[in-house]
Amino acid sequence: TSTLTNAACEPHVQEFCQFMVKLGAKIEGIGTSRLTVTGVPSLKGATFSFTEDFHEVVTFLALGAITGGAIKIKNSSPDVFPLLDR
């Protein structure tokens, strides 16, 4: 068992952890800065779809704000942007 303290908890890290769990990894504390990873005998195959890169989404939103333009983002996860008005 390994414990990571001050682990990154950004959306892409959480998504990677969820992917690993789907493969059979045992990870506790996803979404927090303290992850506990317990070894398992083996991982299995799985199907997983990753969401769009939230850094890219923010870049386009910033460009729209700077230029005063209207930006519409599709195929993103609004839950990773809690401060934006939905």
PDB file of N, CA and C in Angstrom:
ATOM      1  N   THR A   1       0.850  -1.180   0.000  1.00  0.00           N
ATOM      2  CA  THR A   1       0.000   0.000   0.000  1.00  0.00           C
ATOM      3  C   THR A   1       0.887   1.231   0.000  1.00  0.00           C
ATOM      4  N   SER A   2       0.578   2.175  -0.874  1.00  0.00           N
ATOM      5  CA  SER A   2       1.311   3.442  -0.946  1.00  0.00           C
ATOM      6  C   SER A   2       0.334   4.590  -0.744  1.00  0.00           C
ATOM      7  N   THR A   3       0.761   5.590   0.004  1.00  0.00           N
ATOM      8  CA  THR A   3      -0.055   6.785   0.219  1.00  0.00           C
ATOM      9  C   THR A   3       0.671   7.984  -0.368  1.00  0.00           C
ATOM     10  N   LEU A   4      -0.018   8.695  -1.219  1.00  0.00           N
ATOM     11  CA  LEU A   4       0.523   9.910  -1.821  1.00  0.00           C
ATOM     12  C   LEU A   4      -0.118  11.103  -1.118  1.00  0.00           C
ATOM     13  N   THR A   5       0.697  11.911  -0.469  1.00  0.00           N
ATOM     14  CA  THR A   5       0.217  13.111   0.210  1.00  0.00           C
ATOM     15  C   THR A   5       0.554  14.311  -0.651  1.00  0.00           C
ATOM     16  N   ASN A   6      -0.347  15.277  -0.718  1.00  0.00           N
ATOM     17  CA  ASN A   6      -0.222  16.448  -1.597  1.00  0.00           C
ATOM     18  C   ASN A   6      -0.245  16.039  -3.071  1.00  0.00           C
ATOM     19  N   ALA A   7      -0.996  15.006  -3.359  1.00  0.00           N
ATOM     20  CA  ALA A   7      -1.146  14.552  -4.742  1.00  0.00           C
ATOM     21  C   ALA A   7      -1.983  15.558  -5.517  1.00  0.00           C
ATOM     22  N   ALA A   8      -1.702  15.679  -6.794  1.00  0.00           N
ATOM     23  CA  ALA A   8      -2.513  16.541  -7.651  1.00  0.00           C
ATOM     24  C   ALA A   8      -3.941  16.007  -7.679  1.00  0.00           C
ATOM     25  N   CYS A   9      -4.918  16.911  -7.701  1.00  0.00           N
ATOM     26  CA  CYS A   9      -6.315  16.451  -7.718  1.00  0.00           C
ATOM     27  C   CYS A   9      -7.117  17.136  -8.823  1.00  0.00           C
ATOM     28  N   GLU A  10      -6.421  17.614  -9.854  1.00  0.00           N
ATOM     29  CA  GLU A  10      -7.098  18.237 -10.985  1.00  0.00           C
ATOM     30  C   GLU A  10      -7.964  17.208 -11.719  1.00  0.00           C
ATOM     31  N   PRO A  11      -8.909  17.693 -12.515  1.00  0.00           N
ATOM     32  CA  PRO A  11      -9.830  16.778 -13.208  1.00  0.00           C
ATOM     33  C   PRO A  11      -9.142  15.698 -14.031  1.00  0.00           C
ATOM     34  N   HIS A  12      -8.047  16.024 -14.714  1.00  0.00           N
ATOM     35  CA  HIS A  12      -7.394  15.005 -15.539  1.00  0.00           C
ATOM     36  C   HIS A  12      -6.726  13.934 -14.683  1.00  0.00           C
ATOM     37  N   VAL A  13      -6.286  14.285 -13.475  1.00  0.00           N
ATOM     38  CA  VAL A  13      -5.713  13.292 -12.564  1.00  0.00           C
ATOM     39  C   VAL A  13      -6.821  12.384 -12.033  1.00  0.00           C
ATOM     40  N   GLN A  14      -7.955  12.982 -11.675  1.00  0.00           N
ATOM     41  CA  GLN A  14      -9.097  12.187 -11.207  1.00  0.00           C
ATOM     42  C   GLN A  14      -9.560  11.227 -12.299  1.00  0.00           C
ATOM     43  N   GLU A  15      -9.592  11.721 -13.519  1.00  0.00           N
ATOM     44  CA  GLU A  15     -10.040  10.881 -14.630  1.00  0.00           C
ATOM     45  C   GLU A  15      -9.072   9.717 -14.850  1.00  0.00           C
ATOM     46  N   PHE A  16      -7.771   9.984 -14.727  1.00  0.00           N
ATOM     47  CA  PHE A  16      -6.797   8.904 -14.874  1.00  0.00           C
ATOM     48  C   PHE A  16      -6.976   7.864 -13.768  1.00  0.00           C
ATOM     49  N   CYS A  17      -7.223   8.330 -12.549  1.00  0.00           N
ATOM     50  CA  CYS A  17      -7.468   7.405 -11.431  1.00  0.00           C
ATOM     51  C   CYS A  17      -8.711   6.558 -11.700  1.00  0.00           C
ATOM     52  N   GLN A  18      -9.766   7.184 -12.220  1.00  0.00           N
ATOM     53  CA  GLN A  18     -10.993   6.440 -12.531  1.00  0.00           C
ATOM     54  C   GLN A  18     -10.729   5.393 -13.618  1.00  0.00           C
ATOM     55  N   PHE A  19      -9.893   5.758 -14.574  1.00  0.00           N
ATOM     56  CA  PHE A  19      -9.495   4.817 -15.616  1.00  0.00           C
ATOM     57  C   PHE A  19      -8.765   3.623 -15.005  1.00  0.00           C
ATOM     58  N   MET A  20      -7.819   3.903 -14.121  1.00  0.00           N
ATOM     59  CA  MET A  20      -7.068   2.824 -13.472  1.00  0.00           C
ATOM     60  C   MET A  20      -7.978   1.926 -12.629  1.00  0.00           C
ATOM     61  N   VAL A  21      -8.940   2.530 -11.934  1.00  0.00           N
ATOM     62  CA  VAL A  21      -9.894   1.747 -11.138  1.00  0.00           C
ATOM     63  C   VAL A  21     -10.699   0.822 -12.051  1.00  0.00           C
ATOM     64  N   LYS A  22     -11.081   1.332 -13.214  1.00  0.00           N
ATOM     65  CA  LYS A  22     -11.831   0.497 -14.154  1.00  0.00           C
ATOM     66  C   LYS A  22     -10.994  -0.684 -14.635  1.00  0.00           C
ATOM     67  N   LEU A  23      -9.673  -0.500 -14.665  1.00  0.00           N
ATOM     68  CA  LEU A  23      -8.774  -1.590 -15.041  1.00  0.00           C
ATOM     69  C   LEU A  23      -8.553  -2.577 -13.898  1.00  0.00           C
ATOM     70  N   GLY A  24      -9.024  -2.201 -12.695  1.00  0.00           N
ATOM     71  CA  GLY A  24      -8.905  -3.097 -11.554  1.00  0.00           C
ATOM     72  C   GLY A  24      -8.003  -2.598 -10.441  1.00  0.00           C
ATOM     73  N   ALA A  25      -7.440  -1.402 -10.596  1.00  0.00           N
ATOM     74  CA  ALA A  25      -6.594  -0.840  -9.546  1.00  0.00           C
ATOM     75  C   ALA A  25      -7.455  -0.463  -8.336  1.00  0.00           C
ATOM     76  N   LYS A  26      -6.843  -0.460  -7.178  1.00  0.00           N
ATOM     77  CA  LYS A  26      -7.553  -0.058  -5.960  1.00  0.00           C
ATOM     78  C   LYS A  26      -6.965   1.279  -5.507  1.00  0.00           C
ATOM     79  N   ILE A  27      -7.728   2.359  -5.723  1.00  0.00           N
ATOM     80  CA  ILE A  27      -7.285   3.713  -5.392  1.00  0.00           C
ATOM     81  C   ILE A  27      -8.366   4.373  -4.551  1.00  0.00           C
ATOM     82  N   GLU A  28      -7.986   4.853  -3.392  1.00  0.00           N
ATOM     83  CA  GLU A  28      -8.915   5.563  -2.512  1.00  0.00           C
ATOM     84  C   GLU A  28      -8.491   7.022  -2.420  1.00  0.00           C
ATOM     85  N   GLY A  29      -9.476   7.908  -2.261  1.00  0.00           N
ATOM     86  CA  GLY A  29      -9.198   9.331  -2.105  1.00  0.00           C
ATOM     87  C   GLY A  29      -9.193  10.099  -3.407  1.00  0.00           C
ATOM     88  N   ILE A  30      -9.755   9.523  -4.453  1.00  0.00           N
ATOM     89  CA  ILE A  30      -9.788  10.212  -5.748  1.00  0.00           C
ATOM     90  C   ILE A  30     -10.520  11.543  -5.588  1.00  0.00           C
ATOM     91  N   GLY A  31      -9.899  12.608  -6.062  1.00  0.00           N
ATOM     92  CA  GLY A  31     -10.486  13.946  -5.952  1.00  0.00           C
ATOM     93  C   GLY A  31      -9.949  14.714  -4.757  1.00  0.00           C
ATOM     94  N   THR A  32      -9.124  14.057  -3.948  1.00  0.00           N
ATOM     95  CA  THR A  32      -8.509  14.725  -2.802  1.00  0.00           C
ATOM     96  C   THR A  32      -6.996  14.783  -3.028  1.00  0.00           C
ATOM     97  N   SER A  33      -6.304  15.443  -2.134  1.00  0.00           N
ATOM     98  CA  SER A  33      -4.846  15.523  -2.263  1.00  0.00           C
ATOM     99  C   SER A  33      -4.137  14.365  -1.550  1.00  0.00           C
ATOM    100  N   ARG A  34      -4.907  13.393  -1.096  1.00  0.00           N
ATOM    101  CA  ARG A  34      -4.310  12.217  -0.438  1.00  0.00           C
ATOM    102  C   ARG A  34      -4.871  10.952  -1.092  1.00  0.00           C
ATOM    103  N   LEU A  35      -4.022  10.278  -1.836  1.00  0.00           N
ATOM    104  CA  LEU A  35      -4.420   9.053  -2.520  1.00  0.00           C
ATOM    105  C   LEU A  35      -3.777   7.855  -1.840  1.00  0.00           C
ATOM    106  N   THR A  36      -4.550   6.803  -1.674  1.00  0.00           N
ATOM    107  CA  THR A  36      -4.027   5.551  -1.154  1.00  0.00           C
ATOM    108  C   THR A  36      -4.193   4.501  -2.246  1.00  0.00           C
ATOM    109  N   VAL A  37      -3.061   3.944  -2.667  1.00  0.00           N
ATOM    110  CA  VAL A  37      -3.053   2.955  -3.738  1.00  0.00           C
ATOM    111  C   VAL A  37      -2.641   1.621  -3.126  1.00  0.00           C
ATOM    112  N   THR A  38      -3.511   0.645  -3.264  1.00  0.00           N
ATOM    113  CA  THR A  38      -3.236  -0.697  -2.739  1.00  0.00           C
ATOM    114  C   THR A  38      -2.966  -1.614  -3.912  1.00  0.00           C
ATOM    115  N   GLY A  39      -1.865  -2.345  -3.829  1.00  0.00           N
ATOM    116  CA  GLY A  39      -1.491  -3.249  -4.908  1.00  0.00           C
ATOM    117  C   GLY A  39      -2.526  -4.336  -5.141  1.00  0.00           C
ATOM    118  N   VAL A  40      -2.676  -4.722  -6.385  1.00  0.00           N
ATOM    119  CA  VAL A  40      -3.571  -5.814  -6.776  1.00  0.00           C
ATOM    120  C   VAL A  40      -2.748  -6.814  -7.590  1.00  0.00           C
ATOM    121  N   PRO A  41      -3.188  -8.066  -7.648  1.00  0.00           N
ATOM    122  CA  PRO A  41      -2.406  -9.081  -8.379  1.00  0.00           C
ATOM    123  C   PRO A  41      -2.197  -8.747  -9.852  1.00  0.00           C
ATOM    124  N   SER A  42      -3.228  -8.193 -10.502  1.00  0.00           N
ATOM    125  CA  SER A  42      -3.099  -7.850 -11.916  1.00  0.00           C
ATOM    126  C   SER A  42      -4.214  -6.886 -12.310  1.00  0.00           C
ATOM    127  N   LEU A  43      -4.017  -6.245 -13.439  1.00  0.00           N
ATOM    128  CA  LEU A  43      -5.034  -5.363 -14.009  1.00  0.00           C
ATOM    129  C   LEU A  43      -5.706  -6.090 -15.166  1.00  0.00           C
ATOM    130  N   LYS A  44      -6.866  -5.611 -15.562  1.00  0.00           N
ATOM    131  CA  LYS A  44      -7.604  -6.229 -16.664  1.00  0.00           C
ATOM    132  C   LYS A  44      -7.829  -5.179 -17.748  1.00  0.00           C
ATOM    133  N   GLY A  45      -8.353  -5.586 -18.860  1.00  0.00           N
ATOM    134  CA  GLY A  45      -8.697  -4.669 -19.929  1.00  0.00           C
ATOM    135  C   GLY A  45     -10.015  -3.978 -19.645  1.00  0.00           C
ATOM    136  N   ALA A  46     -10.229  -2.834 -20.283  1.00  0.00           N
ATOM    137  CA  ALA A  46     -11.482  -2.101 -20.112  1.00  0.00           C
ATOM    138  C   ALA A  46     -11.626  -1.093 -21.242  1.00  0.00           C
ATOM    139  N   THR A  47     -12.838  -0.617 -21.410  1.00  0.00           N
ATOM    140  CA  THR A  47     -13.109   0.457 -22.353  1.00  0.00           C
ATOM    141  C   THR A  47     -13.351   1.720 -21.558  1.00  0.00           C
ATOM    142  N   PHE A  48     -12.712   2.806 -21.969  1.00  0.00           N
ATOM    143  CA  PHE A  48     -12.831   4.063 -21.233  1.00  0.00           C
ATOM    144  C   PHE A  48     -12.713   5.212 -22.221  1.00  0.00           C
ATOM    145  N   SER A  49     -13.552   6.211 -22.085  1.00  0.00           N
ATOM    146  CA  SER A  49     -13.483   7.400 -22.934  1.00  0.00           C
ATOM    147  C   SER A  49     -13.058   8.586 -22.075  1.00  0.00           C
ATOM    148  N   PHE A  50     -11.961   9.204 -22.459  1.00  0.00           N
ATOM    149  CA  PHE A  50     -11.482  10.383 -21.748  1.00  0.00           C
ATOM    150  C   PHE A  50     -12.208  11.620 -22.272  1.00  0.00           C
ATOM    151  N   THR A  51     -12.470  12.579 -21.380  1.00  0.00           N
ATOM    152  CA  THR A  51     -13.126  13.822 -21.779  1.00  0.00           C
ATOM    153  C   THR A  51     -12.111  14.740 -22.449  1.00  0.00           C
ATOM    154  N   GLU A  52     -12.608  15.825 -22.977  1.00  0.00           N
ATOM    155  CA  GLU A  52     -11.742  16.794 -23.637  1.00  0.00           C
ATOM    156  C   GLU A  52     -10.768  17.410 -22.640  1.00  0.00           C
ATOM    157  N   ASP A  53      -9.647  17.887 -23.119  1.00  0.00           N
ATOM    158  CA  ASP A  53      -8.624  18.515 -22.289  1.00  0.00           C
ATOM    159  C   ASP A  53      -9.146  19.847 -21.756  1.00  0.00           C
ATOM    160  N   PHE A  54      -9.316  19.949 -20.439  1.00  0.00           N
ATOM    161  CA  PHE A  54      -9.894  21.159 -19.871  1.00  0.00           C
ATOM    162  C   PHE A  54      -8.969  22.357 -20.027  1.00  0.00           C
ATOM    163  N   HIS A  55      -7.662  22.137 -20.195  1.00  0.00           N
ATOM    164  CA  HIS A  55      -6.752  23.262 -20.445  1.00  0.00           C
ATOM    165  C   HIS A  55      -7.078  23.915 -21.794  1.00  0.00           C
ATOM    166  N   GLU A  56      -7.363  23.098 -22.764  1.00  0.00           N
ATOM    167  CA  GLU A  56      -7.716  23.609 -24.092  1.00  0.00           C
ATOM    168  C   GLU A  56      -9.042  24.372 -24.035  1.00  0.00           C
ATOM    169  N   VAL A  57     -10.004  23.855 -23.297  1.00  0.00           N
ATOM    170  CA  VAL A  57     -11.296  24.518 -23.152  1.00  0.00           C
ATOM    171  C   VAL A  57     -11.106  25.903 -22.537  1.00  0.00           C
ATOM    172  N   VAL A  58     -10.319  25.977 -21.474  1.00  0.00           N
ATOM    173  CA  VAL A  58     -10.089  27.263 -20.799  1.00  0.00           C
ATOM    174  C   VAL A  58      -9.386  28.237 -21.733  1.00  0.00           C
ATOM    175  N   THR A  59      -8.471  27.752 -22.548  1.00  0.00           N
ATOM    176  CA  THR A  59      -7.777  28.620 -23.499  1.00  0.00           C
ATOM    177  C   THR A  59      -8.769  29.282 -24.444  1.00  0.00           C
ATOM    178  N   PHE A  60      -9.697  28.499 -24.994  1.00  0.00           N
ATOM    179  CA  PHE A  60     -10.685  29.076 -25.908  1.00  0.00           C
ATOM    180  C   PHE A  60     -11.633  30.029 -25.186  1.00  0.00           C
ATOM    181  N   LEU A  61     -12.022  29.692 -23.951  1.00  0.00           N
ATOM    182  CA  LEU A  61     -12.870  30.604 -23.176  1.00  0.00           C
ATOM    183  C   LEU A  61     -12.151  31.919 -22.908  1.00  0.00           C
ATOM    184  N   ALA A  62     -10.866  31.850 -22.597  1.00  0.00           N
ATOM    185  CA  ALA A  62     -10.084  33.066 -22.355  1.00  0.00           C
ATOM    186  C   ALA A  62      -9.978  33.904 -23.621  1.00  0.00           C
ATOM    187  N   LEU A  63      -9.767  33.254 -24.755  1.00  0.00           N
ATOM    188  CA  LEU A  63      -9.695  33.987 -26.026  1.00  0.00           C
ATOM    189  C   LEU A  63     -11.012  34.700 -26.316  1.00  0.00           C
ATOM    190  N   GLY A  64     -12.109  34.040 -26.033  1.00  0.00           N
ATOM    191  CA  GLY A  64     -13.413  34.672 -26.224  1.00  0.00           C
ATOM    192  C   GLY A  64     -13.593  35.864 -25.302  1.00  0.00           C
ATOM    193  N   ALA A  65     -13.155  35.744 -24.061  1.00  0.00           N
ATOM    194  CA  ALA A  65     -13.276  36.848 -23.107  1.00  0.00           C
ATOM    195  C   ALA A  65     -12.396  38.024 -23.510  1.00  0.00           C
ATOM    196  N   ILE A  66     -11.184  37.737 -23.956  1.00  0.00           N
ATOM    197  CA  ILE A  66     -10.245  38.800 -24.338  1.00  0.00           C
ATOM    198  C   ILE A  66     -10.746  39.569 -25.559  1.00  0.00           C
ATOM    199  N   THR A  67     -11.309  38.849 -26.516  1.00  0.00           N
ATOM    200  CA  THR A  67     -11.744  39.490 -27.762  1.00  0.00           C
ATOM    201  C   THR A  67     -13.190  39.956 -27.724  1.00  0.00           C
ATOM    202  N   GLY A  68     -13.904  39.617 -26.651  1.00  0.00           N
ATOM    203  CA  GLY A  68     -15.316  39.988 -26.573  1.00  0.00           C
ATOM    204  C   GLY A  68     -16.190  39.125 -27.464  1.00  0.00           C
ATOM    205  N   GLY A  69     -15.673  38.009 -27.899  1.00  0.00           N
ATOM    206  CA  GLY A  69     -16.411  37.127 -28.789  1.00  0.00           C
ATOM    207  C   GLY A  69     -17.312  36.169 -28.022  1.00  0.00           C
ATOM    208  N   ALA A  70     -18.156  35.481 -28.759  1.00  0.00           N
ATOM    209  CA  ALA A  70     -19.052  34.486 -28.177  1.00  0.00           C
ATOM    210  C   ALA A  70     -18.458  33.108 -28.460  1.00  0.00           C
ATOM    211  N   ILE A  71     -18.262  32.343 -27.415  1.00  0.00           N
ATOM    212  CA  ILE A  71     -17.667  31.018 -27.547  1.00  0.00           C
ATOM    213  C   ILE A  71     -18.668  29.978 -27.054  1.00  0.00           C
ATOM    214  N   LYS A  72     -18.833  28.925 -27.830  1.00  0.00           N
ATOM    215  CA  LYS A  72     -19.678  27.805 -27.407  1.00  0.00           C
ATOM    216  C   LYS A  72     -18.803  26.565 -27.411  1.00  0.00           C
ATOM    217  N   ILE A  73     -18.686  25.941 -26.257  1.00  0.00           N
ATOM    218  CA  ILE A  73     -17.858  24.745 -26.105  1.00  0.00           C
ATOM    219  C   ILE A  73     -18.762  23.518 -26.137  1.00  0.00           C
ATOM    220  N   LYS A  74     -18.396  22.550 -26.961  1.00  0.00           N
ATOM    221  CA  LYS A  74     -19.126  21.291 -27.032  1.00  0.00           C
ATOM    222  C   LYS A  74     -18.224  20.166 -26.544  1.00  0.00           C
ATOM    223  N   ASN A  75     -18.817  19.093 -26.097  1.00  0.00           N
ATOM    224  CA  ASN A  75     -18.088  17.883 -25.682  1.00  0.00           C
ATOM    225  C   ASN A  75     -17.126  18.132 -24.524  1.00  0.00           C
ATOM    226  N   SER A  76     -17.539  18.904 -23.569  1.00  0.00           N
ATOM    227  CA  SER A  76     -16.718  19.134 -22.392  1.00  0.00           C
ATOM    228  C   SER A  76     -17.491  18.703 -21.156  1.00  0.00           C
ATOM    229  N   SER A  77     -16.845  18.771 -20.023  1.00  0.00           N
ATOM    230  CA  SER A  77     -17.481  18.409 -18.753  1.00  0.00           C
ATOM    231  C   SER A  77     -17.629  19.655 -17.903  1.00  0.00           C
ATOM    232  N   PRO A  78     -18.811  20.261 -17.869  1.00  0.00           N
ATOM    233  CA  PRO A  78     -18.978  21.506 -17.108  1.00  0.00           C
ATOM    234  C   PRO A  78     -18.712  21.353 -15.620  1.00  0.00           C
ATOM    235  N   ASP A  79     -18.767  20.139 -15.096  1.00  0.00           N
ATOM    236  CA  ASP A  79     -18.510  19.948 -13.670  1.00  0.00           C
ATOM    237  C   ASP A  79     -17.063  20.243 -13.281  1.00  0.00           C
ATOM    238  N   VAL A  80     -16.138  20.317 -14.243  1.00  0.00           N
ATOM    239  CA  VAL A  80     -14.749  20.661 -13.921  1.00  0.00           C
ATOM    240  C   VAL A  80     -14.532  22.170 -13.888  1.00  0.00           C
ATOM    241  N   PHE A  81     -15.580  22.935 -14.185  1.00  0.00           N
ATOM    242  CA  PHE A  81     -15.522  24.396 -14.154  1.00  0.00           C
ATOM    243  C   PHE A  81     -16.589  24.923 -13.188  1.00  0.00           C
ATOM    244  N   PRO A  82     -16.425  24.700 -11.896  1.00  0.00           N
ATOM    245  CA  PRO A  82     -17.480  25.033 -10.943  1.00  0.00           C
ATOM    246  C   PRO A  82     -17.795  26.525 -10.834  1.00  0.00           C
ATOM    247  N   LEU A  83     -16.894  27.401 -11.255  1.00  0.00           N
ATOM    248  CA  LEU A  83     -17.122  28.837 -11.115  1.00  0.00           C
ATOM    249  C   LEU A  83     -17.822  29.443 -12.329  1.00  0.00           C
ATOM    250  N   LEU A  84     -17.961  28.695 -13.396  1.00  0.00           N
ATOM    251  CA  LEU A  84     -18.619  29.220 -14.584  1.00  0.00           C
ATOM    252  C   LEU A  84     -20.128  29.142 -14.442  1.00  0.00           C
ATOM    253  N   ASP A  85     -20.797  30.172 -14.921  1.00  0.00           N
ATOM    254  CA  ASP A  85     -22.261  30.171 -14.933  1.00  0.00           C
ATOM    255  C   ASP A  85     -22.718  29.247 -16.042  1.00  0.00           C
ATOM    256  N   ARG A  86     -23.527  28.273 -15.698  1.00  0.00           N
ATOM    257  CA  ARG A  86     -23.987  27.301 -16.686  1.00  0.00           C
ATOM    258  C   ARG A  86     -25.335  27.712 -17.162  1.00  0.00           C
TER     259      ARG A  86
END
